[in-house]
Structures are given as C-alpha cells and as structure tokens.
Amino acid sequence: MYEPGSFRPLAQVEAQGDSTQLHYIVTDLTGTARELCSEEGEIRWRGEQGLWGAHREERRPIPLRRYLGDAANEEVYCELRYQGQLYDAETGLYYN
C-alpha cells in the first residue's frame, strides 16, 4: 500500500491461505523503506541502502510459532529499495 498520489510505501500485506500479516513500513526522507513493524509495533525487518547500491538487512524472527507451513512461521522480507524500486533476489537486479 502506498501513500495516495506518490510512490512512498505505507504498509506491506502478505496473505497465504487464511492467514494475513500486516506490516507498517517506516521510511526515511527519500521514501526508502528502513523498517517493517508488526501491528504490535515490534520491528520485524530493518534495512539500510548504501550509496552505491550495497544493501544490508537485519531480519528478526517472529516469536509466534504456529503450525508447520503457516505464514506466521516465515521471516518477514521487504523487497523495496529506493523509492519506486523493487529488488529481485533471483537476478540481483533492481526494477522500477
């Protein structure tokens, strides 16, 4: 979900089967995603984009473990980089 009329991200929703996860996106002044926070306000993912494209991230495991194969068992990941860019882990490229 994005701020109306812009490319600034507000939230990330992941749905798998009957389970849905909502994470709010904390951005810097340029609109780059820096953190994903759970609905309870806990930081689940933190990323930092370097000047020349190097990306460093920190994932925090979700303490609530449910059934095997449940979406709540998976780590949270944010593929957003600079404003309007998506990172493709398979190719290592950024797309607008």
Protein backbone atom coordinates (compact mmCIF):
# COMPACT_ATOMS: atom_id res chain seq x y z
CA MET A 1 0.00 0.00 0.00
CA TYR A 2 1.29 3.42 -0.93
CA GLU A 3 0.61 7.00 0.13
CA PRO A 4 -2.07 8.35 -2.26
CA GLY A 5 -0.58 10.09 -5.29
CA SER A 6 3.01 9.01 -4.55
CA PHE A 7 5.42 6.08 -4.54
CA ARG A 8 6.01 6.32 -0.76
CA PRO A 9 5.18 2.92 0.79
CA LEU A 10 2.96 2.78 3.88
CA ALA A 11 2.35 -0.91 4.57
CA GLN A 12 3.06 -4.43 3.33
CA VAL A 13 0.33 -7.07 3.42
CA GLU A 14 1.18 -10.75 2.96
CA ALA A 15 -1.61 -13.28 2.55
CA GLN A 16 -1.17 -17.03 2.45
CA GLY A 17 -4.28 -19.14 2.65
CA ASP A 18 -6.42 -17.93 5.55
CA SER A 19 -3.53 -16.14 7.27
CA THR A 20 -2.73 -12.46 6.66
CA GLN A 21 0.18 -10.41 8.00
CA LEU A 22 0.22 -6.61 8.03
CA HIS A 23 3.49 -4.74 8.48
CA TYR A 24 3.83 -0.97 8.55
CA ILE A 25 6.76 0.50 6.61
CA VAL A 26 8.98 3.13 8.20
CA THR A 27 10.73 5.21 5.52
CA ASP A 28 13.46 7.83 5.52
CA LEU A 29 13.09 11.31 3.99
CA THR A 30 13.57 9.98 0.45
CA GLY A 31 10.90 7.28 0.78
CA THR A 32 13.34 4.37 1.11
CA ALA A 33 11.98 1.55 3.30
CA ARG A 34 14.05 1.32 6.51
CA GLU A 35 11.94 -0.86 8.81
CA LEU A 36 8.92 -3.14 8.80
CA CYS A 37 6.91 -3.08 12.03
CA SER A 38 4.23 -5.52 13.11
CA GLU A 39 0.76 -4.40 14.15
CA GLU A 40 2.03 -4.52 17.74
CA GLY A 41 4.85 -2.08 16.88
CA GLU A 42 7.69 -4.62 17.01
CA ILE A 43 10.44 -4.27 14.39
CA ARG A 44 10.49 -7.39 12.17
CA TRP A 45 12.88 -6.25 9.43
CA ARG A 46 15.45 -3.48 9.17
CA GLY A 47 17.37 -2.50 6.04
CA GLU A 48 19.92 0.09 5.00
CA GLN A 49 20.72 1.02 1.41
CA GLY A 50 24.29 2.09 0.72
CA LEU A 51 25.22 4.94 -1.58
CA TRP A 52 26.49 2.65 -4.35
CA GLY A 53 23.76 0.02 -4.12
CA ALA A 54 25.07 -2.28 -1.38
CA HIS A 55 22.17 -3.33 0.83
CA ARG A 56 22.43 -4.51 4.41
CA GLU A 57 19.46 -6.01 6.21
CA GLU A 58 18.56 -7.49 9.55
CA ARG A 59 15.66 -9.91 9.94
CA ARG A 60 14.08 -10.59 13.30
CA PRO A 61 12.25 -13.86 13.83
CA ILE A 62 8.58 -13.79 14.64
CA PRO A 63 8.13 -15.12 18.19
CA LEU A 64 4.68 -16.58 17.50
CA ARG A 65 5.21 -20.04 16.03
CA ARG A 66 2.10 -21.72 14.71
CA TYR A 67 1.59 -24.81 12.61
CA LEU A 68 4.16 -26.06 10.12
CA GLY A 69 3.60 -24.31 6.78
CA ASP A 70 1.69 -21.42 8.34
CA ALA A 71 2.59 -17.94 7.04
CA ALA A 72 3.31 -16.82 10.62
CA ASN A 73 6.37 -19.11 10.67
CA GLU A 74 8.14 -17.33 7.82
CA GLU A 75 10.58 -14.46 8.20
CA VAL A 76 9.47 -11.06 7.01
CA TYR A 77 11.28 -9.66 4.00
CA CYS A 78 10.97 -6.30 2.24
CA GLU A 79 11.98 -6.15 -1.42
CA LEU A 80 11.52 -2.37 -1.65
CA ARG A 81 14.73 -0.38 -2.04
CA TYR A 82 14.92 3.24 -3.18
CA GLN A 83 11.55 4.86 -3.78
CA GLY A 84 9.83 3.09 -6.69
CA GLN A 85 12.39 0.26 -6.91
CA LEU A 86 11.94 -3.45 -6.23
CA TYR A 87 14.80 -5.87 -5.65
CA ASP A 88 14.72 -9.24 -7.42
CA ALA A 89 16.73 -11.72 -5.33
CA GLU A 90 16.88 -14.25 -8.17
CA THR A 91 18.63 -11.92 -10.65
CA GLY A 92 20.17 -9.45 -8.19
CA LEU A 93 18.67 -6.56 -10.18
CA TYR A 94 16.56 -3.56 -9.18
CA TYR A 95 13.39 -2.80 -11.14
CA ASN A 96 11.38 0.43 -11.39
